[in-house]
Amino acid sequence: MLEIKNICKTFNTGTINEKVALDDLSLKLNEGDFVTVIGGNGAGKSTMLNAIAGVFPIDNGSISINGEDITKLPEYKRAKYIGRVFQDPMMGTAADMLMEENLSIAERRGKKRYIKWAISKKDRERYKELLTQLDLGLENRLSSKMGLLSGGQRQAVTLLMASMEKPKLLLLDEHTAALDPATAAKVLDLTDKIVVEHHLTAIMITHNMNDAIKHGNRLIMMNQGKIIFDVAGEEKAKLTKTVLLNKFAEIAGQNQESDRMVLS
């Protein structure tokens, strides 16, 4: 479903602030893979997601989704393939628009637009049904502005919006980092449910090693713009936090102390 081949990205090339963010990185995801990504600050995790989403052009290499080369497509044209949830609950939705309006926009992402009423009675019934599944009591708040929801509620709705049209790829960029532990756990459980029920292919960045181990069927560890560890299936199920920290120290070598602190 996703194939990244030898992509590189350097910021501020030729200056004192030059930073190699992605270094000949390759990754292949099969349909239905749910991959968690860990690594220290500056490892290239978010840069990889931004490269896939088309936030900036890559220096070289290629990116394909479902067999289609999207390397040169602008970000807005990739929207029909990709759903994304950001770390900040305020991103990904329009705060001054109603919840039903946000859902309507998400439902039409990547589709042709026509001159007609944006939201019908049938649409509202469908949105209520979808919101009921969140179990947050939002099904009767379709006419509420998104900005009035709590961070956890908004992130749950954003997750619903990102997945309601069953994207080829779901990108989750530390989407529970800004939430309290109880709310974060609920959003992660909802993430598992949505990914499994819709058979989505997903990439989730997290700084929480326990979450990285618990969720998904595959785990990759990044350092200095490269994937340094890739584990899946039963081998992933046997992982512990201690094993991961030791593996990072073993593979990454230098700078291990500061990165170990970030990871733990």
C-alpha atoms as a PDB file:
ATOM      1  CA  MET A   1       0.000   0.000   0.000  1.00  0.00           C
ATOM      2  CA  LEU A   2       2.958   2.329   0.659  1.00  0.00           C
ATOM      3  CA  GLU A   3       6.413   2.104  -0.863  1.00  0.00           C
ATOM      4  CA  ILE A   4       9.127   4.625  -0.057  1.00  0.00           C
ATOM      5  CA  LYS A   5      12.350   4.193  -2.019  1.00  0.00           C
ATOM      6  CA  ASN A   6      15.629   5.852  -1.039  1.00  0.00           C
ATOM      7  CA  ILE A   7      14.153   9.235  -0.101  1.00  0.00           C
ATOM      8  CA  CYS A   8      16.417  12.019   1.123  1.00  0.00           C
ATOM      9  CA  LYS A   9      15.648  15.425   2.555  1.00  0.00           C
ATOM     10  CA  THR A  10      18.107  18.075   3.696  1.00  0.00           C
ATOM     11  CA  PHE A  11      16.987  21.410   5.113  1.00  0.00           C
ATOM     12  CA  ASN A  12      18.996  24.666   4.808  1.00  0.00           C
ATOM     13  CA  THR A  13      21.404  23.107   2.312  1.00  0.00           C
ATOM     14  CA  GLY A  14      24.774  24.829   2.093  1.00  0.00           C
ATOM     15  CA  THR A  15      24.303  26.867   5.264  1.00  0.00           C
ATOM     16  CA  ILE A  16      25.611  26.556   8.797  1.00  0.00           C
ATOM     17  CA  ASN A  17      22.156  25.233   9.757  1.00  0.00           C
ATOM     18  CA  GLU A  18      22.206  22.385   7.225  1.00  0.00           C
ATOM     19  CA  LYS A  19      20.308  19.381   8.582  1.00  0.00           C
ATOM     20  CA  VAL A  20      19.980  15.963   6.980  1.00  0.00           C
ATOM     21  CA  ALA A  21      16.472  14.929   8.051  1.00  0.00           C
ATOM     22  CA  LEU A  22      15.984  11.831   5.870  1.00  0.00           C
ATOM     23  CA  ASP A  23      19.000   9.810   4.742  1.00  0.00           C
ATOM     24  CA  ASP A  24      18.294   7.338   1.908  1.00  0.00           C
ATOM     25  CA  LEU A  25      15.215   6.038   3.744  1.00  0.00           C
ATOM     26  CA  SER A  26      13.203   3.118   2.357  1.00  0.00           C
ATOM     27  CA  LEU A  27      10.026   1.572   3.766  1.00  0.00           C
ATOM     28  CA  LYS A  28       7.322  -0.743   2.443  1.00  0.00           C
ATOM     29  CA  LEU A  29       3.907  -1.243   4.070  1.00  0.00           C
ATOM     30  CA  ASN A  30       1.435  -3.926   3.091  1.00  0.00           C
ATOM     31  CA  GLU A  31      -2.294  -3.277   3.085  1.00  0.00           C
ATOM     32  CA  GLY A  32      -3.642  -3.390   6.639  1.00  0.00           C
ATOM     33  CA  ASP A  33      -0.279  -2.782   8.322  1.00  0.00           C
ATOM     34  CA  PHE A  34      -0.458  -0.626  11.452  1.00  0.00           C
ATOM     35  CA  VAL A  35       3.073   0.622  12.091  1.00  0.00           C
ATOM     36  CA  THR A  36       4.195   2.490  15.194  1.00  0.00           C
ATOM     37  CA  VAL A  37       7.284   4.711  14.876  1.00  0.00           C
ATOM     38  CA  ILE A  38       9.618   5.677  17.707  1.00  0.00           C
ATOM     39  CA  GLY A  39      12.895   7.573  17.918  1.00  0.00           C
ATOM     40  CA  GLY A  40      14.543  10.508  19.640  1.00  0.00           C
ATOM     41  CA  ASN A  41      13.971  14.167  18.804  1.00  0.00           C
ATOM     42  CA  GLY A  42      15.330  14.923  15.344  1.00  0.00           C
ATOM     43  CA  ALA A  43      15.254  11.269  14.276  1.00  0.00           C
ATOM     44  CA  GLY A  44      13.177  12.125  11.197  1.00  0.00           C
ATOM     45  CA  LYS A  45       9.806  10.719  12.256  1.00  0.00           C
ATOM     46  CA  SER A  46       7.611  13.737  11.497  1.00  0.00           C
ATOM     47  CA  THR A  47       9.745  14.624   8.472  1.00  0.00           C
ATOM     48  CA  MET A  48       8.951  11.194   7.026  1.00  0.00           C
ATOM     49  CA  LEU A  49       5.198  11.765   7.532  1.00  0.00           C
ATOM     50  CA  ASN A  50       5.423  15.245   6.017  1.00  0.00           C
ATOM     51  CA  ALA A  51       7.299  13.840   3.011  1.00  0.00           C
ATOM     52  CA  ILE A  52       4.558  11.232   2.493  1.00  0.00           C
ATOM     53  CA  ALA A  53       1.834  13.878   2.854  1.00  0.00           C
ATOM     54  CA  GLY A  54       3.581  16.222   0.402  1.00  0.00           C
ATOM     55  CA  VAL A  55       4.159  19.100   2.814  1.00  0.00           C
ATOM     56  CA  PHE A  56       7.509  19.693   1.069  1.00  0.00           C
ATOM     57  CA  PRO A  57       9.293  18.134  -1.936  1.00  0.00           C
ATOM     58  CA  ILE A  58      11.914  15.469  -1.275  1.00  0.00           C
ATOM     59  CA  ASP A  59      15.429  15.881  -2.658  1.00  0.00           C
ATOM     60  CA  ASN A  60      15.438  12.482  -4.342  1.00  0.00           C
ATOM     61  CA  GLY A  61      13.817   9.065  -4.173  1.00  0.00           C
ATOM     62  CA  SER A  62      10.190   8.100  -4.764  1.00  0.00           C
ATOM     63  CA  ILE A  63       6.927   7.583  -2.869  1.00  0.00           C
ATOM     64  CA  SER A  64       4.089   5.363  -4.118  1.00  0.00           C
ATOM     65  CA  ILE A  65       0.652   4.679  -2.630  1.00  0.00           C
ATOM     66  CA  ASN A  66      -1.274   1.639  -3.843  1.00  0.00           C
ATOM     67  CA  GLY A  67       1.069   1.358  -6.821  1.00  0.00           C
ATOM     68  CA  GLU A  68       0.671   4.989  -7.920  1.00  0.00           C
ATOM     69  CA  ASP A  69       3.711   7.272  -7.892  1.00  0.00           C
ATOM     70  CA  ILE A  70       2.773  10.392  -5.899  1.00  0.00           C
ATOM     71  CA  THR A  71       6.308  11.790  -5.557  1.00  0.00           C
ATOM     72  CA  LYS A  72       5.600  14.932  -7.548  1.00  0.00           C
ATOM     73  CA  LEU A  73       1.974  15.431  -6.538  1.00  0.00           C
ATOM     74  CA  PRO A  74       1.254  18.553  -4.427  1.00  0.00           C
ATOM     75  CA  GLU A  75      -0.179  18.129  -0.947  1.00  0.00           C
ATOM     76  CA  TYR A  76      -3.790  18.922  -1.912  1.00  0.00           C
ATOM     77  CA  LYS A  77      -3.794  16.238  -4.624  1.00  0.00           C
ATOM     78  CA  ARG A  78      -2.556  13.617  -2.166  1.00  0.00           C
ATOM     79  CA  ALA A  79      -5.534  14.345   0.102  1.00  0.00           C
ATOM     80  CA  LYS A  80      -7.715  11.777  -1.670  1.00  0.00           C
ATOM     81  CA  TYR A  81      -5.258   9.046  -0.672  1.00  0.00           C
ATOM     82  CA  ILE A  82      -4.272  10.184   2.810  1.00  0.00           C
ATOM     83  CA  GLY A  83      -6.028  10.872   6.111  1.00  0.00           C
ATOM     84  CA  ARG A  84      -4.022  12.661   8.806  1.00  0.00           C
ATOM     85  CA  VAL A  85      -4.371  13.492  12.494  1.00  0.00           C
ATOM     86  CA  PHE A  86      -1.930  15.968  14.032  1.00  0.00           C
ATOM     87  CA  GLN A  87      -0.495  16.300  17.527  1.00  0.00           C
ATOM     88  CA  ASP A  88      -2.356  19.566  18.128  1.00  0.00           C
ATOM     89  CA  PRO A  89      -6.132  18.971  18.551  1.00  0.00           C
ATOM     90  CA  MET A  90      -6.684  22.445  17.049  1.00  0.00           C
ATOM     91  CA  MET A  91      -5.292  21.330  13.680  1.00  0.00           C
ATOM     92  CA  GLY A  92      -7.212  19.316  11.125  1.00  0.00           C
ATOM     93  CA  THR A  93     -10.564  20.993  11.848  1.00  0.00           C
ATOM     94  CA  ALA A  94     -12.128  24.425  11.403  1.00  0.00           C
ATOM     95  CA  ALA A  95     -12.847  25.792  14.894  1.00  0.00           C
ATOM     96  CA  ASP A  96     -15.455  28.372  13.803  1.00  0.00           C
ATOM     97  CA  MET A  97     -17.426  25.908  11.699  1.00  0.00           C
ATOM     98  CA  LEU A  98     -20.088  23.537  13.002  1.00  0.00           C
ATOM     99  CA  MET A  99     -19.268  19.908  13.648  1.00  0.00           C
ATOM    100  CA  GLU A 100     -21.588  18.795  10.838  1.00  0.00           C
ATOM    101  CA  GLU A 101     -19.845  21.226   8.459  1.00  0.00           C
ATOM    102  CA  ASN A 102     -16.451  19.801   9.360  1.00  0.00           C
ATOM    103  CA  LEU A 103     -17.723  16.264   8.779  1.00  0.00           C
ATOM    104  CA  SER A 104     -19.224  17.307   5.452  1.00  0.00           C
ATOM    105  CA  ILE A 105     -15.910  18.753   4.263  1.00  0.00           C
ATOM    106  CA  ALA A 106     -14.055  15.593   5.339  1.00  0.00           C
ATOM    107  CA  GLU A 107     -16.571  13.407   3.515  1.00  0.00           C
ATOM    108  CA  ARG A 108     -15.954  15.299   0.264  1.00  0.00           C
ATOM    109  CA  ARG A 109     -12.160  15.381   0.456  1.00  0.00           C
ATOM    110  CA  GLY A 110     -10.635  14.569  -2.924  1.00  0.00           C
ATOM    111  CA  LYS A 111     -14.029  14.448  -4.679  1.00  0.00           C
ATOM    112  CA  LYS A 112     -15.549  16.709  -7.302  1.00  0.00           C
ATOM    113  CA  ARG A 113     -17.776  19.489  -5.952  1.00  0.00           C
ATOM    114  CA  TYR A 114     -21.258  20.322  -7.204  1.00  0.00           C
ATOM    115  CA  ILE A 115     -23.707  23.161  -6.611  1.00  0.00           C
ATOM    116  CA  LYS A 116     -26.151  21.693  -4.113  1.00  0.00           C
ATOM    117  CA  TRP A 117     -26.983  21.832  -0.405  1.00  0.00           C
ATOM    118  CA  ALA A 118     -23.865  20.797   1.474  1.00  0.00           C
ATOM    119  CA  ILE A 119     -25.653  18.856   4.207  1.00  0.00           C
ATOM    120  CA  SER A 120     -28.892  16.931   3.767  1.00  0.00           C
ATOM    121  CA  LYS A 121     -31.121  15.282   6.348  1.00  0.00           C
ATOM    122  CA  LYS A 122     -29.665  11.930   5.286  1.00  0.00           C
ATOM    123  CA  ASP A 123     -26.151  13.287   5.858  1.00  0.00           C
ATOM    124  CA  ARG A 124     -27.060  14.394   9.380  1.00  0.00           C
ATOM    125  CA  GLU A 125     -28.457  10.966  10.207  1.00  0.00           C
ATOM    126  CA  ARG A 126     -25.266   9.336   8.996  1.00  0.00           C
ATOM    127  CA  TYR A 127     -23.084  11.761  10.964  1.00  0.00           C
ATOM    128  CA  LYS A 128     -25.091  11.065  14.125  1.00  0.00           C
ATOM    129  CA  GLU A 129     -24.568   7.341  13.638  1.00  0.00           C
ATOM    130  CA  LEU A 130     -20.819   7.803  13.208  1.00  0.00           C
ATOM    131  CA  LEU A 131     -20.541  10.061  16.254  1.00  0.00           C
ATOM    132  CA  THR A 132     -22.539   7.594  18.377  1.00  0.00           C
ATOM    133  CA  GLN A 133     -19.761   5.054  17.800  1.00  0.00           C
ATOM    134  CA  LEU A 134     -17.307   7.400  19.541  1.00  0.00           C
ATOM    135  CA  ASP A 135     -19.291   7.023  22.774  1.00  0.00           C
ATOM    136  CA  LEU A 136     -18.576  10.636  23.748  1.00  0.00           C
ATOM    137  CA  GLY A 137     -22.125  11.996  23.668  1.00  0.00           C
ATOM    138  CA  LEU A 138     -21.421  14.109  20.577  1.00  0.00           C
ATOM    139  CA  GLU A 139     -24.186  12.737  18.372  1.00  0.00           C
ATOM    140  CA  ASN A 140     -26.570  15.463  19.552  1.00  0.00           C
ATOM    141  CA  ARG A 141     -24.074  18.297  19.082  1.00  0.00           C
ATOM    142  CA  LEU A 142     -23.884  18.452  15.287  1.00  0.00           C
ATOM    143  CA  SER A 143     -24.737  22.159  15.384  1.00  0.00           C
ATOM    144  CA  SER A 144     -21.989  22.955  17.924  1.00  0.00           C
ATOM    145  CA  LYS A 145     -18.846  24.725  16.782  1.00  0.00           C
ATOM    146  CA  MET A 146     -15.743  22.517  16.742  1.00  0.00           C
ATOM    147  CA  GLY A 147     -13.903  25.068  18.862  1.00  0.00           C
ATOM    148  CA  LEU A 148     -16.269  24.405  21.782  1.00  0.00           C
ATOM    149  CA  LEU A 149     -15.218  20.749  22.114  1.00  0.00           C
ATOM    150  CA  SER A 150     -12.568  19.609  24.570  1.00  0.00           C
ATOM    151  CA  GLY A 151      -9.162  18.551  23.236  1.00  0.00           C
ATOM    152  CA  GLY A 152      -9.985  14.859  23.551  1.00  0.00           C
ATOM    153  CA  GLN A 153     -13.402  15.238  21.909  1.00  0.00           C
ATOM    154  CA  ARG A 154     -11.931  17.239  19.070  1.00  0.00           C
ATOM    155  CA  GLN A 155      -9.131  14.749  18.497  1.00  0.00           C
ATOM    156  CA  ALA A 156     -11.645  11.887  18.410  1.00  0.00           C
ATOM    157  CA  VAL A 157     -13.741  13.746  15.814  1.00  0.00           C
ATOM    158  CA  THR A 158     -10.592  14.560  13.823  1.00  0.00           C
ATOM    159  CA  LEU A 159      -9.720  10.855  13.801  1.00  0.00           C
ATOM    160  CA  LEU A 160     -13.234  10.085  12.583  1.00  0.00           C
ATOM    161  CA  MET A 161     -12.936  12.729   9.862  1.00  0.00           C
ATOM    162  CA  ALA A 162      -9.554  11.410   8.718  1.00  0.00           C
ATOM    163  CA  SER A 163     -10.876   7.861   8.364  1.00  0.00           C
ATOM    164  CA  MET A 164     -14.528   8.227   7.310  1.00  0.00           C
ATOM    165  CA  GLU A 165     -13.716   7.943   3.588  1.00  0.00           C
ATOM    166  CA  LYS A 166     -11.372   4.989   4.205  1.00  0.00           C
ATOM    167  CA  PRO A 167      -8.099   6.547   3.019  1.00  0.00           C
ATOM    168  CA  LYS A 168      -5.397   4.411   1.457  1.00  0.00           C
ATOM    169  CA  LEU A 169      -3.084   5.587   4.240  1.00  0.00           C
ATOM    170  CA  LEU A 170      -3.762   7.035   7.705  1.00  0.00           C
ATOM    171  CA  LEU A 171      -1.000   9.194   9.220  1.00  0.00           C
ATOM    172  CA  LEU A 172      -1.062   9.756  12.987  1.00  0.00           C
ATOM    173  CA  ASP A 173       1.554  12.268  14.149  1.00  0.00           C
ATOM    174  CA  GLU A 174       1.705  11.887  17.954  1.00  0.00           C
ATOM    175  CA  HIS A 175      -2.058  12.405  17.944  1.00  0.00           C
ATOM    176  CA  THR A 176      -2.451  11.705  21.681  1.00  0.00           C
ATOM    177  CA  ALA A 177       0.591  13.633  22.961  1.00  0.00           C
ATOM    178  CA  ALA A 178      -1.432  16.727  23.933  1.00  0.00           C
ATOM    179  CA  LEU A 179      -4.107  14.754  25.814  1.00  0.00           C
ATOM    180  CA  ASP A 180      -4.309  13.662  29.437  1.00  0.00           C
ATOM    181  CA  PRO A 181      -3.498   9.948  30.010  1.00  0.00           C
ATOM    182  CA  ALA A 182      -7.118   8.779  30.371  1.00  0.00           C
ATOM    183  CA  THR A 183      -8.292  10.623  27.257  1.00  0.00           C
ATOM    184  CA  ALA A 184      -5.196   9.519  25.330  1.00  0.00           C
ATOM    185  CA  ALA A 185      -5.941   5.879  26.165  1.00  0.00           C
ATOM    186  CA  LYS A 186      -9.531   6.282  24.935  1.00  0.00           C
ATOM    187  CA  VAL A 187      -8.401   7.871  21.659  1.00  0.00           C
ATOM    188  CA  LEU A 188      -5.846   5.091  21.145  1.00  0.00           C
ATOM    189  CA  ASP A 189      -8.507   2.425  21.711  1.00  0.00           C
ATOM    190  CA  LEU A 190     -10.682   4.240  19.190  1.00  0.00           C
ATOM    191  CA  THR A 191      -7.723   4.312  16.794  1.00  0.00           C
ATOM    192  CA  ASP A 192      -7.320   0.533  17.077  1.00  0.00           C
ATOM    193  CA  LYS A 193     -11.034   0.038  16.450  1.00  0.00           C
ATOM    194  CA  ILE A 194     -11.143   2.273  13.369  1.00  0.00           C
ATOM    195  CA  VAL A 195      -7.967   0.821  11.827  1.00  0.00           C
ATOM    196  CA  VAL A 196      -9.157  -2.764  12.308  1.00  0.00           C
ATOM    197  CA  GLU A 197     -12.801  -2.245  11.275  1.00  0.00           C
ATOM    198  CA  HIS A 198     -11.897  -0.336   8.098  1.00  0.00           C
ATOM    199  CA  HIS A 199      -8.789  -2.450   7.414  1.00  0.00           C
ATOM    200  CA  LEU A 200      -6.699   0.710   7.086  1.00  0.00           C
ATOM    201  CA  THR A 201      -2.977   0.989   6.531  1.00  0.00           C
ATOM    202  CA  ALA A 202      -1.640   3.322   9.222  1.00  0.00           C
ATOM    203  CA  ILE A 203       1.558   4.911  10.533  1.00  0.00           C
ATOM    204  CA  MET A 204       1.543   6.224  14.113  1.00  0.00           C
ATOM    205  CA  ILE A 205       4.384   8.282  15.566  1.00  0.00           C
ATOM    206  CA  THR A 206       4.674   8.188  19.341  1.00  0.00           C
ATOM    207  CA  HIS A 207       7.168   9.040  22.081  1.00  0.00           C
ATOM    208  CA  ASN A 208       5.446   6.585  24.417  1.00  0.00           C
ATOM    209  CA  MET A 209       7.273   3.279  24.135  1.00  0.00           C
ATOM    210  CA  ASN A 210       4.521   1.361  25.903  1.00  0.00           C
ATOM    211  CA  ASP A 211       1.986   2.611  23.332  1.00  0.00           C
ATOM    212  CA  ALA A 212       4.373   1.736  20.507  1.00  0.00           C
ATOM    213  CA  ILE A 213       4.635  -1.819  21.809  1.00  0.00           C
ATOM    214  CA  LYS A 214       0.941  -2.255  22.624  1.00  0.00           C
ATOM    215  CA  HIS A 215      -0.560  -0.940  19.387  1.00  0.00           C
ATOM    216  CA  GLY A 216      -0.102  -2.042  15.808  1.00  0.00           C
ATOM    217  CA  ASN A 217       1.387  -5.136  14.202  1.00  0.00           C
ATOM    218  CA  ARG A 218       4.776  -3.625  13.393  1.00  0.00           C
ATOM    219  CA  LEU A 219       7.264  -1.245  15.035  1.00  0.00           C
ATOM    220  CA  ILE A 220      10.101   0.721  13.483  1.00  0.00           C
ATOM    221  CA  MET A 221      12.770   2.755  15.246  1.00  0.00           C
ATOM    222  CA  MET A 222      14.386   5.765  13.577  1.00  0.00           C
ATOM    223  CA  ASN A 223      17.651   7.578  14.222  1.00  0.00           C
ATOM    224  CA  GLN A 224      19.353  10.327  12.202  1.00  0.00           C
ATOM    225  CA  GLY A 225      16.936  10.019   9.309  1.00  0.00           C
ATOM    226  CA  LYS A 226      17.214   6.265   8.956  1.00  0.00           C
ATOM    227  CA  ILE A 227      15.261   3.199  10.054  1.00  0.00           C
ATOM    228  CA  ILE A 228      17.570   1.318  12.402  1.00  0.00           C
ATOM    229  CA  PHE A 229      15.193  -1.351  13.701  1.00  0.00           C
ATOM    230  CA  ASP A 230      12.104  -2.978  12.176  1.00  0.00           C
ATOM    231  CA  VAL A 231      10.108  -5.681  13.946  1.00  0.00           C
ATOM    232  CA  ALA A 232       6.686  -7.229  13.320  1.00  0.00           C
ATOM    233  CA  GLY A 233       4.296 -10.012  14.295  1.00  0.00           C
ATOM    234  CA  GLU A 234       5.135 -12.346  17.165  1.00  0.00           C
ATOM    235  CA  GLU A 235       8.592 -10.821  17.573  1.00  0.00           C
ATOM    236  CA  LYS A 236       6.999  -7.420  18.186  1.00  0.00           C
ATOM    237  CA  ALA A 237       4.523  -8.942  20.649  1.00  0.00           C
ATOM    238  CA  LYS A 238       7.466 -10.122  22.770  1.00  0.00           C
ATOM    239  CA  LEU A 239       9.075  -6.682  22.985  1.00  0.00           C
ATOM    240  CA  THR A 240       9.491  -4.847  26.278  1.00  0.00           C
ATOM    241  CA  LYS A 241      10.535  -1.284  27.003  1.00  0.00           C
ATOM    242  CA  THR A 242      13.889  -2.476  28.334  1.00  0.00           C
ATOM    243  CA  VAL A 243      14.571  -4.542  25.234  1.00  0.00           C
ATOM    244  CA  LEU A 244      13.829  -1.532  23.007  1.00  0.00           C
ATOM    245  CA  LEU A 245      16.100   0.783  24.987  1.00  0.00           C
ATOM    246  CA  ASN A 246      18.929  -1.735  24.869  1.00  0.00           C
ATOM    247  CA  LYS A 247      18.361  -2.258  21.155  1.00  0.00           C
ATOM    248  CA  PHE A 248      18.557   1.476  20.567  1.00  0.00           C
ATOM    249  CA  ALA A 249      21.798   1.722  22.533  1.00  0.00           C
ATOM    250  CA  GLU A 250      23.228  -1.222  20.618  1.00  0.00           C
ATOM    251  CA  ILE A 251      22.323   0.026  17.133  1.00  0.00           C
ATOM    252  CA  ALA A 252      22.478   3.802  17.445  1.00  0.00           C
ATOM    253  CA  GLY A 253      25.827   3.903  19.222  1.00  0.00           C
ATOM    254  CA  GLN A 254      26.782   7.548  19.681  1.00  0.00           C
ATOM    255  CA  ASN A 255      24.427  10.048  21.332  1.00  0.00           C
ATOM    256  CA  GLN A 256      22.624   7.172  22.969  1.00  0.00           C
ATOM    257  CA  GLU A 257      22.326   8.779  26.403  1.00  0.00           C
ATOM    258  CA  SER A 258      20.271  11.797  25.337  1.00  0.00           C
ATOM    259  CA  ASP A 259      18.087   9.750  23.012  1.00  0.00           C
ATOM    260  CA  ARG A 260      17.556   7.081  25.658  1.00  0.00           C
ATOM    261  CA  MET A 261      16.223   9.813  27.949  1.00  0.00           C
ATOM    262  CA  VAL A 262      13.820  11.034  25.249  1.00  0.00           C
ATOM    263  CA  LEU A 263      12.603   7.517  24.510  1.00  0.00           C
ATOM    264  CA  SER A 264      12.012   6.655  28.158  1.00  0.00           C
END
